[in-house]
Amino acid sequence: MSRSSTDQILDDLRAVVDDAEILMQDTAGRVGEEATAARERAREALSAARERLQSLEEQVLERSRDAAKETDRYVHENPWQAIGVAAGIGLLLGLLLGRR
């Protein structure tokens, strides 16, 4: 997930909010075709934003799975290095917390 895709999703969400505000303003005293058209525009914008959020969620889940698989592979290939790193981090945290 790149920074630009995150920015794009935020822009989409802002557009949905803007469209919802316009919908509320436009349909405050109206009924009929104009109100229906405004509601349809807002519904389409919300649907597009939902699709983008679902896509982002899928990307995040896939990257998380890939990272977990890569970590598992590394630990299986280098168990002693992994134990050493974990022990070092534990020692460092112990020293820092012991100073309190």
PDB file of N, CA and C in Angstrom:
ATOM      1  N   MET A   1       0.863  -1.161   0.000  1.00  0.00           N
ATOM      2  CA  MET A   1       0.000   0.000   0.000  1.00  0.00           C
ATOM      3  C   MET A   1       0.905   1.217   0.000  1.00  0.00           C
ATOM      4  N   SER A   2       0.822   1.995  -1.022  1.00  0.00           N
ATOM      5  CA  SER A   2       1.674   3.163  -1.124  1.00  0.00           C
ATOM      6  C   SER A   2       0.991   4.378  -0.511  1.00  0.00           C
ATOM      7  N   ARG A   3       1.786   5.386  -0.299  1.00  0.00           N
ATOM      8  CA  ARG A   3       1.268   6.631   0.279  1.00  0.00           C
ATOM      9  C   ARG A   3       0.236   7.266  -0.646  1.00  0.00           C
ATOM     10  N   SER A   4       0.472   7.160  -1.955  1.00  0.00           N
ATOM     11  CA  SER A   4      -0.460   7.777  -2.901  1.00  0.00           C
ATOM     12  C   SER A   4      -1.813   7.071  -2.890  1.00  0.00           C
ATOM     13  N   SER A   5      -1.844   5.742  -2.699  1.00  0.00           N
ATOM     14  CA  SER A   5      -3.127   5.046  -2.636  1.00  0.00           C
ATOM     15  C   SER A   5      -3.872   5.418  -1.362  1.00  0.00           C
ATOM     16  N   THR A   6      -3.156   5.607  -0.274  1.00  0.00           N
ATOM     17  CA  THR A   6      -3.780   6.057   0.974  1.00  0.00           C
ATOM     18  C   THR A   6      -4.354   7.454   0.802  1.00  0.00           C
ATOM     19  N   ASP A   7      -3.588   8.327   0.180  1.00  0.00           N
ATOM     20  CA  ASP A   7      -4.076   9.687  -0.077  1.00  0.00           C
ATOM     21  C   ASP A   7      -5.299   9.668  -0.978  1.00  0.00           C
ATOM     22  N   GLN A   8      -5.308   8.781  -1.964  1.00  0.00           N
ATOM     23  CA  GLN A   8      -6.448   8.673  -2.875  1.00  0.00           C
ATOM     24  C   GLN A   8      -7.699   8.237  -2.133  1.00  0.00           C
ATOM     25  N   ILE A   9      -7.546   7.293  -1.227  1.00  0.00           N
ATOM     26  CA  ILE A   9      -8.692   6.823  -0.451  1.00  0.00           C
ATOM     27  C   ILE A   9      -9.218   7.939   0.446  1.00  0.00           C
ATOM     28  N   LEU A  10      -8.314   8.673   1.073  1.00  0.00           N
ATOM     29  CA  LEU A  10      -8.753   9.797   1.905  1.00  0.00           C
ATOM     30  C   LEU A  10      -9.471  10.845   1.071  1.00  0.00           C
ATOM     31  N   ASP A  11      -8.977  11.097  -0.133  1.00  0.00           N
ATOM     32  CA  ASP A  11      -9.655  12.035  -1.030  1.00  0.00           C
ATOM     33  C   ASP A  11     -11.048  11.537  -1.398  1.00  0.00           C
ATOM     34  N   ASP A  12     -11.167  10.229  -1.642  1.00  0.00           N
ATOM     35  CA  ASP A  12     -12.473   9.646  -1.954  1.00  0.00           C
ATOM     36  C   ASP A  12     -13.438   9.807  -0.784  1.00  0.00           C
ATOM     37  N   LEU A  13     -12.949   9.574   0.419  1.00  0.00           N
ATOM     38  CA  LEU A  13     -13.810   9.712   1.596  1.00  0.00           C
ATOM     39  C   LEU A  13     -14.238  11.169   1.798  1.00  0.00           C
ATOM     40  N   ARG A  14     -13.321  12.081   1.564  1.00  0.00           N
ATOM     41  CA  ARG A  14     -13.683  13.500   1.650  1.00  0.00           C
ATOM     42  C   ARG A  14     -14.754  13.844   0.623  1.00  0.00           C
ATOM     43  N   ALA A  15     -14.621  13.290  -0.566  1.00  0.00           N
ATOM     44  CA  ALA A  15     -15.619  13.543  -1.612  1.00  0.00           C
ATOM     45  C   ALA A  15     -16.977  12.990  -1.207  1.00  0.00           C
ATOM     46  N   VAL A  16     -16.997  11.833  -0.564  1.00  0.00           N
ATOM     47  CA  VAL A  16     -18.269  11.264  -0.099  1.00  0.00           C
ATOM     48  C   VAL A  16     -18.907  12.180   0.943  1.00  0.00           C
ATOM     49  N   VAL A  17     -18.102  12.667   1.852  1.00  0.00           N
ATOM     50  CA  VAL A  17     -18.626  13.579   2.874  1.00  0.00           C
ATOM     51  C   VAL A  17     -19.144  14.857   2.228  1.00  0.00           C
ATOM     52  N   ASP A  18     -18.382  15.392   1.293  1.00  0.00           N
ATOM     53  CA  ASP A  18     -18.821  16.601   0.581  1.00  0.00           C
ATOM     54  C   ASP A  18     -20.135  16.357  -0.148  1.00  0.00           C
ATOM     55  N   ASP A  19     -20.232  15.210  -0.825  1.00  0.00           N
ATOM     56  CA  ASP A  19     -21.471  14.881  -1.544  1.00  0.00           C
ATOM     57  C   ASP A  19     -22.646  14.717  -0.587  1.00  0.00           C
ATOM     58  N   ALA A  20     -22.393  14.138   0.575  1.00  0.00           N
ATOM     59  CA  ALA A  20     -23.466  13.974   1.561  1.00  0.00           C
ATOM     60  C   ALA A  20     -23.934  15.337   2.073  1.00  0.00           C
ATOM     61  N   GLU A  21     -22.985  16.256   2.288  1.00  0.00           N
ATOM     62  CA  GLU A  21     -23.360  17.604   2.720  1.00  0.00           C
ATOM     63  C   GLU A  21     -24.184  18.315   1.647  1.00  0.00           C
ATOM     64  N   ILE A  22     -23.763  18.177   0.409  1.00  0.00           N
ATOM     65  CA  ILE A  22     -24.510  18.781  -0.697  1.00  0.00           C
ATOM     66  C   ILE A  22     -25.896  18.167  -0.781  1.00  0.00           C
ATOM     67  N   LEU A  23     -25.971  16.854  -0.588  1.00  0.00           N
ATOM     68  CA  LEU A  23     -27.263  16.167  -0.608  1.00  0.00           C
ATOM     69  C   LEU A  23     -28.193  16.741   0.457  1.00  0.00           C
ATOM     70  N   MET A  24     -27.668  16.913   1.656  1.00  0.00           N
ATOM     71  CA  MET A  24     -28.503  17.453   2.730  1.00  0.00           C
ATOM     72  C   MET A  24     -28.965  18.870   2.408  1.00  0.00           C
ATOM     73  N   GLN A  25     -28.068  19.682   1.859  1.00  0.00           N
ATOM     74  CA  GLN A  25     -28.437  21.058   1.520  1.00  0.00           C
ATOM     75  C   GLN A  25     -29.439  21.097   0.373  1.00  0.00           C
ATOM     76  N   ASP A  26     -29.199  20.290  -0.632  1.00  0.00           N
ATOM     77  CA  ASP A  26     -30.056  20.299  -1.819  1.00  0.00           C
ATOM     78  C   ASP A  26     -31.447  19.731  -1.564  1.00  0.00           C
ATOM     79  N   THR A  27     -31.536  18.771  -0.696  1.00  0.00           N
ATOM     80  CA  THR A  27     -32.818  18.104  -0.493  1.00  0.00           C
ATOM     81  C   THR A  27     -33.541  18.579   0.764  1.00  0.00           C
ATOM     82  N   ALA A  28     -33.030  19.622   1.400  1.00  0.00           N
ATOM     83  CA  ALA A  28     -33.634  20.088   2.653  1.00  0.00           C
ATOM     84  C   ALA A  28     -35.111  20.420   2.467  1.00  0.00           C
ATOM     85  N   GLY A  29     -35.457  21.126   1.410  1.00  0.00           N
ATOM     86  CA  GLY A  29     -36.845  21.492   1.218  1.00  0.00           C
ATOM     87  C   GLY A  29     -37.436  20.955  -0.068  1.00  0.00           C
ATOM     88  N   ARG A  30     -36.781  19.988  -0.660  1.00  0.00           N
ATOM     89  CA  ARG A  30     -37.229  19.503  -1.966  1.00  0.00           C
ATOM     90  C   ARG A  30     -37.685  18.062  -1.908  1.00  0.00           C
ATOM     91  N   VAL A  31     -38.568  17.762  -2.783  1.00  0.00           N
ATOM     92  CA  VAL A  31     -38.985  16.380  -3.005  1.00  0.00           C
ATOM     93  C   VAL A  31     -39.075  16.184  -4.505  1.00  0.00           C
ATOM     94  N   GLY A  32     -39.102  14.963  -4.923  1.00  0.00           N
ATOM     95  CA  GLY A  32     -39.250  14.705  -6.343  1.00  0.00           C
ATOM     96  C   GLY A  32     -37.962  14.295  -7.002  1.00  0.00           C
ATOM     97  N   GLU A  33     -37.864  14.622  -8.304  1.00  0.00           N
ATOM     98  CA  GLU A  33     -36.757  14.156  -9.119  1.00  0.00           C
ATOM     99  C   GLU A  33     -35.412  14.742  -8.690  1.00  0.00           C
ATOM    100  N   GLU A  34     -35.374  16.012  -8.334  1.00  0.00           N
ATOM    101  CA  GLU A  34     -34.108  16.630  -7.934  1.00  0.00           C
ATOM    102  C   GLU A  34     -33.553  15.966  -6.686  1.00  0.00           C
ATOM    103  N   ALA A  35     -34.401  15.719  -5.707  1.00  0.00           N
ATOM    104  CA  ALA A  35     -33.958  15.063  -4.480  1.00  0.00           C
ATOM    105  C   ALA A  35     -33.502  13.634  -4.770  1.00  0.00           C
ATOM    106  N   THR A  36     -34.219  12.950  -5.620  1.00  0.00           N
ATOM    107  CA  THR A  36     -33.854  11.580  -5.984  1.00  0.00           C
ATOM    108  C   THR A  36     -32.508  11.558  -6.686  1.00  0.00           C
ATOM    109  N   ALA A  37     -32.268  12.503  -7.580  1.00  0.00           N
ATOM    110  CA  ALA A  37     -30.982  12.569  -8.295  1.00  0.00           C
ATOM    111  C   ALA A  37     -29.842  12.869  -7.321  1.00  0.00           C
ATOM    112  N   ALA A  38     -30.069  13.756  -6.383  1.00  0.00           N
ATOM    113  CA  ALA A  38     -29.030  14.086  -5.404  1.00  0.00           C
ATOM    114  C   ALA A  38     -28.721  12.882  -4.521  1.00  0.00           C
ATOM    115  N   ARG A  39     -29.751  12.177  -4.097  1.00  0.00           N
ATOM    116  CA  ARG A  39     -29.529  10.979  -3.280  1.00  0.00           C
ATOM    117  C   ARG A  39     -28.778   9.903  -4.074  1.00  0.00           C
ATOM    118  N   GLU A  40     -29.080   9.784  -5.351  1.00  0.00           N
ATOM    119  CA  GLU A  40     -28.405   8.797  -6.194  1.00  0.00           C
ATOM    120  C   GLU A  40     -26.922   9.139  -6.348  1.00  0.00           C
ATOM    121  N   ARG A  41     -26.603  10.433  -6.515  1.00  0.00           N
ATOM    122  CA  ARG A  41     -25.188  10.846  -6.596  1.00  0.00           C
ATOM    123  C   ARG A  41     -24.457  10.494  -5.310  1.00  0.00           C
ATOM    124  N   ALA A  42     -25.075  10.761  -4.187  1.00  0.00           N
ATOM    125  CA  ALA A  42     -24.445  10.444  -2.901  1.00  0.00           C
ATOM    126  C   ALA A  42     -24.287   8.936  -2.740  1.00  0.00           C
ATOM    127  N   ARG A  43     -25.266   8.172  -3.154  1.00  0.00           N
ATOM    128  CA  ARG A  43     -25.206   6.716  -3.059  1.00  0.00           C
ATOM    129  C   ARG A  43     -24.057   6.174  -3.920  1.00  0.00           C
ATOM    130  N   GLU A  44     -23.889   6.709  -5.117  1.00  0.00           N
ATOM    131  CA  GLU A  44     -22.801   6.270  -5.993  1.00  0.00           C
ATOM    132  C   GLU A  44     -21.438   6.607  -5.402  1.00  0.00           C
ATOM    133  N   ALA A  45     -21.310   7.802  -4.830  1.00  0.00           N
ATOM    134  CA  ALA A  45     -20.043   8.190  -4.217  1.00  0.00           C
ATOM    135  C   ALA A  45     -19.724   7.304  -3.013  1.00  0.00           C
ATOM    136  N   LEU A  46     -20.722   6.995  -2.227  1.00  0.00           N
ATOM    137  CA  LEU A  46     -20.525   6.120  -1.075  1.00  0.00           C
ATOM    138  C   LEU A  46     -20.136   4.715  -1.522  1.00  0.00           C
ATOM    139  N   SER A  47     -20.747   4.223  -2.563  1.00  0.00           N
ATOM    140  CA  SER A  47     -20.418   2.904  -3.088  1.00  0.00           C
ATOM    141  C   SER A  47     -18.969   2.860  -3.578  1.00  0.00           C
ATOM    142  N   ALA A  48     -18.543   3.890  -4.268  1.00  0.00           N
ATOM    143  CA  ALA A  48     -17.155   3.950  -4.751  1.00  0.00           C
ATOM    144  C   ALA A  48     -16.179   3.992  -3.585  1.00  0.00           C
ATOM    145  N   ALA A  49     -16.503   4.748  -2.554  1.00  0.00           N
ATOM    146  CA  ALA A  49     -15.625   4.824  -1.389  1.00  0.00           C
ATOM    147  C   ALA A  49     -15.554   3.474  -0.680  1.00  0.00           C
ATOM    148  N   ARG A  50     -16.678   2.786  -0.578  1.00  0.00           N
ATOM    149  CA  ARG A  50     -16.681   1.462   0.052  1.00  0.00           C
ATOM    150  C   ARG A  50     -15.798   0.485  -0.722  1.00  0.00           C
ATOM    151  N   GLU A  51     -15.864   0.537  -2.034  1.00  0.00           N
ATOM    152  CA  GLU A  51     -15.041  -0.349  -2.857  1.00  0.00           C
ATOM    153  C   GLU A  51     -13.563  -0.057  -2.634  1.00  0.00           C
ATOM    154  N   ARG A  52     -13.205   1.221  -2.563  1.00  0.00           N
ATOM    155  CA  ARG A  52     -11.807   1.593  -2.329  1.00  0.00           C
ATOM    156  C   ARG A  52     -11.346   1.129  -0.950  1.00  0.00           C
ATOM    157  N   LEU A  53     -12.198   1.279   0.061  1.00  0.00           N
ATOM    158  CA  LEU A  53     -11.838   0.828   1.401  1.00  0.00           C
ATOM    159  C   LEU A  53     -11.674  -0.689   1.446  1.00  0.00           C
ATOM    160  N   GLN A  54     -12.533  -1.403   0.750  1.00  0.00           N
ATOM    161  CA  GLN A  54     -12.414  -2.855   0.709  1.00  0.00           C
ATOM    162  C   GLN A  54     -11.110  -3.255   0.024  1.00  0.00           C
ATOM    163  N   SER A  55     -10.766  -2.558  -1.038  1.00  0.00           N
ATOM    164  CA  SER A  55      -9.510  -2.832  -1.734  1.00  0.00           C
ATOM    165  C   SER A  55      -8.318  -2.567  -0.812  1.00  0.00           C
ATOM    166  N   LEU A  56      -8.369  -1.473  -0.072  1.00  0.00           N
ATOM    167  CA  LEU A  56      -7.293  -1.147   0.857  1.00  0.00           C
ATOM    168  C   LEU A  56      -7.181  -2.213   1.941  1.00  0.00           C
ATOM    169  N   GLU A  57      -8.315  -2.653   2.463  1.00  0.00           N
ATOM    170  CA  GLU A  57      -8.311  -3.688   3.494  1.00  0.00           C
ATOM    171  C   GLU A  57      -7.674  -4.970   2.960  1.00  0.00           C
ATOM    172  N   GLU A  58      -8.013  -5.353   1.744  1.00  0.00           N
ATOM    173  CA  GLU A  58      -7.437  -6.557   1.144  1.00  0.00           C
ATOM    174  C   GLU A  58      -5.929  -6.416   0.973  1.00  0.00           C
ATOM    175  N   GLN A  59      -5.476  -5.228   0.566  1.00  0.00           N
ATOM    176  CA  GLN A  59      -4.039  -4.991   0.402  1.00  0.00           C
ATOM    177  C   GLN A  59      -3.316  -5.097   1.737  1.00  0.00           C
ATOM    178  N   VAL A  60      -3.891  -4.514   2.778  1.00  0.00           N
ATOM    179  CA  VAL A  60      -3.268  -4.553   4.098  1.00  0.00           C
ATOM    180  C   VAL A  60      -3.197  -5.992   4.605  1.00  0.00           C
ATOM    181  N   LEU A  61      -4.278  -6.743   4.448  1.00  0.00           N
ATOM    182  CA  LEU A  61      -4.281  -8.132   4.895  1.00  0.00           C
ATOM    183  C   LEU A  61      -3.249  -8.968   4.136  1.00  0.00           C
ATOM    184  N   GLU A  62      -3.164  -8.753   2.833  1.00  0.00           N
ATOM    185  CA  GLU A  62      -2.202  -9.515   2.036  1.00  0.00           C
ATOM    186  C   GLU A  62      -0.772  -9.181   2.440  1.00  0.00           C
ATOM    187  N   ARG A  63      -0.485  -7.912   2.655  1.00  0.00           N
ATOM    188  CA  ARG A  63       0.876  -7.533   3.070  1.00  0.00           C
ATOM    189  C   ARG A  63       1.198  -8.060   4.456  1.00  0.00           C
ATOM    190  N   SER A  64       0.203  -8.082   5.344  1.00  0.00           N
ATOM    191  CA  SER A  64       0.419  -8.626   6.683  1.00  0.00           C
ATOM    192  C   SER A  64       0.733 -10.111   6.608  1.00  0.00           C
ATOM    193  N   ARG A  65      -0.009 -10.828   5.785  1.00  0.00           N
ATOM    194  CA  ARG A  65       0.248 -12.263   5.614  1.00  0.00           C
ATOM    195  C   ARG A  65       1.640 -12.502   5.027  1.00  0.00           C
ATOM    196  N   ASP A  66       2.005 -11.700   4.038  1.00  0.00           N
ATOM    197  CA  ASP A  66       3.329 -11.843   3.423  1.00  0.00           C
ATOM    198  C   ASP A  66       4.432 -11.588   4.442  1.00  0.00           C
ATOM    199  N   ALA A  67       4.258 -10.569   5.273  1.00  0.00           N
ATOM    200  CA  ALA A  67       5.260 -10.254   6.294  1.00  0.00           C
ATOM    201  C   ALA A  67       5.365 -11.384   7.316  1.00  0.00           C
ATOM    202  N   ALA A  68       4.227 -11.945   7.712  1.00  0.00           N
ATOM    203  CA  ALA A  68       4.235 -13.057   8.666  1.00  0.00           C
ATOM    204  C   ALA A  68       4.925 -14.279   8.061  1.00  0.00           C
ATOM    205  N   LYS A  69       4.647 -14.572   6.799  1.00  0.00           N
ATOM    206  CA  LYS A  69       5.287 -15.710   6.130  1.00  0.00           C
ATOM    207  C   LYS A  69       6.794 -15.504   6.016  1.00  0.00           C
ATOM    208  N   GLU A  70       7.194 -14.290   5.681  1.00  0.00           N
ATOM    209  CA  GLU A  70       8.622 -13.986   5.542  1.00  0.00           C
ATOM    210  C   GLU A  70       9.326 -14.090   6.892  1.00  0.00           C
ATOM    211  N   THR A  71       8.682 -13.610   7.942  1.00  0.00           N
ATOM    212  CA  THR A  71       9.258 -13.714   9.281  1.00  0.00           C
ATOM    213  C   THR A  71       9.388 -15.174   9.684  1.00  0.00           C
ATOM    214  N   ASP A  72       8.370 -15.959   9.428  1.00  0.00           N
ATOM    215  CA  ASP A  72       8.394 -17.386   9.756  1.00  0.00           C
ATOM    216  C   ASP A  72       9.513 -18.096   8.998  1.00  0.00           C
ATOM    217  N   ARG A  73       9.631 -17.778   7.723  1.00  0.00           N
ATOM    218  CA  ARG A  73      10.696 -18.382   6.914  1.00  0.00           C
ATOM    219  C   ARG A  73      12.069 -18.025   7.462  1.00  0.00           C
ATOM    220  N   TYR A  74      12.263 -16.753   7.809  1.00  0.00           N
ATOM    221  CA  TYR A  74      13.565 -16.305   8.318  1.00  0.00           C
ATOM    222  C   TYR A  74      13.904 -17.007   9.626  1.00  0.00           C
ATOM    223  N   VAL A  75      12.930 -17.101  10.530  1.00  0.00           N
ATOM    224  CA  VAL A  75      13.178 -17.741  11.823  1.00  0.00           C
ATOM    225  C   VAL A  75      13.509 -19.221  11.636  1.00  0.00           C
ATOM    226  N   HIS A  76      12.830 -19.893  10.702  1.00  0.00           N
ATOM    227  CA  HIS A  76      13.131 -21.305  10.463  1.00  0.00           C
ATOM    228  C   HIS A  76      14.509 -21.491   9.827  1.00  0.00           C
ATOM    229  N   GLU A  77      14.925 -20.562   9.003  1.00  0.00           N
ATOM    230  CA  GLU A  77      16.234 -20.673   8.355  1.00  0.00           C
ATOM    231  C   GLU A  77      17.364 -20.217   9.273  1.00  0.00           C
ATOM    232  N   ASN A  78      17.073 -19.321  10.205  1.00  0.00           N
ATOM    233  CA  ASN A  78      18.102 -18.758  11.085  1.00  0.00           C
ATOM    234  C   ASN A  78      17.627 -18.758  12.542  1.00  0.00           C
ATOM    235  N   PRO A  79      17.430 -19.929  13.124  1.00  0.00           N
ATOM    236  CA  PRO A  79      16.844 -19.960  14.474  1.00  0.00           C
ATOM    237  C   PRO A  79      17.734 -19.316  15.537  1.00  0.00           C
ATOM    238  N   TRP A  80      19.037 -19.531  15.462  1.00  0.00           N
ATOM    239  CA  TRP A  80      19.912 -18.981  16.497  1.00  0.00           C
ATOM    240  C   TRP A  80      20.009 -17.472  16.400  1.00  0.00           C
ATOM    241  N   GLN A  81      20.003 -16.948  15.211  1.00  0.00           N
ATOM    242  CA  GLN A  81      20.015 -15.489  15.069  1.00  0.00           C
ATOM    243  C   GLN A  81      18.723 -14.895  15.606  1.00  0.00           C
ATOM    244  N   ALA A  82      17.614 -15.548  15.342  1.00  0.00           N
ATOM    245  CA  ALA A  82      16.327 -15.063  15.831  1.00  0.00           C
ATOM    246  C   ALA A  82      16.294 -15.094  17.360  1.00  0.00           C
ATOM    247  N   ILE A  83      16.823 -16.163  17.953  1.00  0.00           N
ATOM    248  CA  ILE A  83      16.873 -16.254  19.414  1.00  0.00           C
ATOM    249  C   ILE A  83      17.771 -15.158  19.977  1.00  0.00           C
ATOM    250  N   GLY A  84      18.906 -14.925  19.333  1.00  0.00           N
ATOM    251  CA  GLY A  84      19.825 -13.875  19.780  1.00  0.00           C
ATOM    252  C   GLY A  84      19.196 -12.493  19.714  1.00  0.00           C
ATOM    253  N   VAL A  85      18.507 -12.219  18.629  1.00  0.00           N
ATOM    254  CA  VAL A  85      17.844 -10.914  18.494  1.00  0.00           C
ATOM    255  C   VAL A  85      16.762 -10.757  19.547  1.00  0.00           C
ATOM    256  N   ALA A  86      15.959 -11.792  19.751  1.00  0.00           N
ATOM    257  CA  ALA A  86      14.893 -11.729  20.756  1.00  0.00           C
ATOM    258  C   ALA A  86      15.484 -11.547  22.152  1.00  0.00           C
ATOM    259  N   ALA A  87      16.570 -12.253  22.456  1.00  0.00           N
ATOM    260  CA  ALA A  87      17.212 -12.109  23.767  1.00  0.00           C
ATOM    261  C   ALA A  87      17.778 -10.701  23.942  1.00  0.00           C
ATOM    262  N   GLY A  88      18.379 -10.181  22.898  1.00  0.00           N
ATOM    263  CA  GLY A  88      18.928  -8.818  22.971  1.00  0.00           C
ATOM    264  C   GLY A  88      17.842  -7.778  23.201  1.00  0.00           C
ATOM    265  N   ILE A  89      16.748  -7.917  22.501  1.00  0.00           N
ATOM    266  CA  ILE A  89      15.631  -6.979  22.680  1.00  0.00           C
ATOM    267  C   ILE A  89      15.065  -7.119  24.093  1.00  0.00           C
ATOM    268  N   GLY A  90      14.937  -8.351  24.576  1.00  0.00           N
ATOM    269  CA  GLY A  90      14.445  -8.574  25.938  1.00  0.00           C
ATOM    270  C   GLY A  90      15.366  -7.972  26.972  1.00  0.00           C
ATOM    271  N   LEU A  91      16.664  -8.130  26.794  1.00  0.00           N
ATOM    272  CA  LEU A  91      17.647  -7.549  27.711  1.00  0.00           C
ATOM    273  C   LEU A  91      17.556  -6.024  27.709  1.00  0.00           C
ATOM    274  N   LEU A  92      17.490  -5.453  26.526  1.00  0.00           N
ATOM    275  CA  LEU A  92      17.392  -4.002  26.410  1.00  0.00           C
ATOM    276  C   LEU A  92      16.122  -3.473  27.081  1.00  0.00           C
ATOM    277  N   LEU A  93      15.002  -4.127  26.836  1.00  0.00           N
ATOM    278  CA  LEU A  93      13.759  -3.714  27.485  1.00  0.00           C
ATOM    279  C   LEU A  93      13.820  -3.885  28.986  1.00  0.00           C
ATOM    280  N   GLY A  94      14.441  -4.960  29.447  1.00  0.00           N
ATOM    281  CA  GLY A  94      14.603  -5.184  30.876  1.00  0.00           C
ATOM    282  C   GLY A  94      15.432  -4.099  31.529  1.00  0.00           C
ATOM    283  N   LEU A  95      16.518  -3.715  30.874  1.00  0.00           N
ATOM    284  CA  LEU A  95      17.352  -2.639  31.410  1.00  0.00           C
ATOM    285  C   LEU A  95      16.602  -1.300  31.460  1.00  0.00           C
ATOM    286  N   LEU A  96      15.885  -1.008  30.395  1.00  0.00           N
ATOM    287  CA  LEU A  96      15.149   0.252  30.352  1.00  0.00           C
ATOM    288  C   LEU A  96      14.032   0.295  31.393  1.00  0.00           C
ATOM    289  N   LEU A  97      13.309  -0.798  31.541  1.00  0.00           N
ATOM    290  CA  LEU A  97      12.220  -0.837  32.518  1.00  0.00           C
ATOM    291  C   LEU A  97      12.749  -0.926  33.948  1.00  0.00           C
ATOM    292  N   GLY A  98      13.924  -1.506  34.131  1.00  0.00           N
ATOM    293  CA  GLY A  98      14.521  -1.615  35.462  1.00  0.00           C
ATOM    294  C   GLY A  98      15.015  -0.287  35.999  1.00  0.00           C
ATOM    295  N   ARG A  99      15.242   0.657  35.150  1.00  0.00           N
ATOM    296  CA  ARG A  99      15.726   1.976  35.570  1.00  0.00           C
ATOM    297  C   ARG A  99      14.637   2.841  36.191  1.00  0.00           C
ATOM    298  N   ARG A 100      13.411   2.462  36.029  1.00  0.00           N
ATOM    299  CA  ARG A 100      12.302   3.266  36.556  1.00  0.00           C
ATOM    300  C   ARG A 100      12.323   3.253  38.006  1.00  0.00           C
TER     301      ARG A 100
END
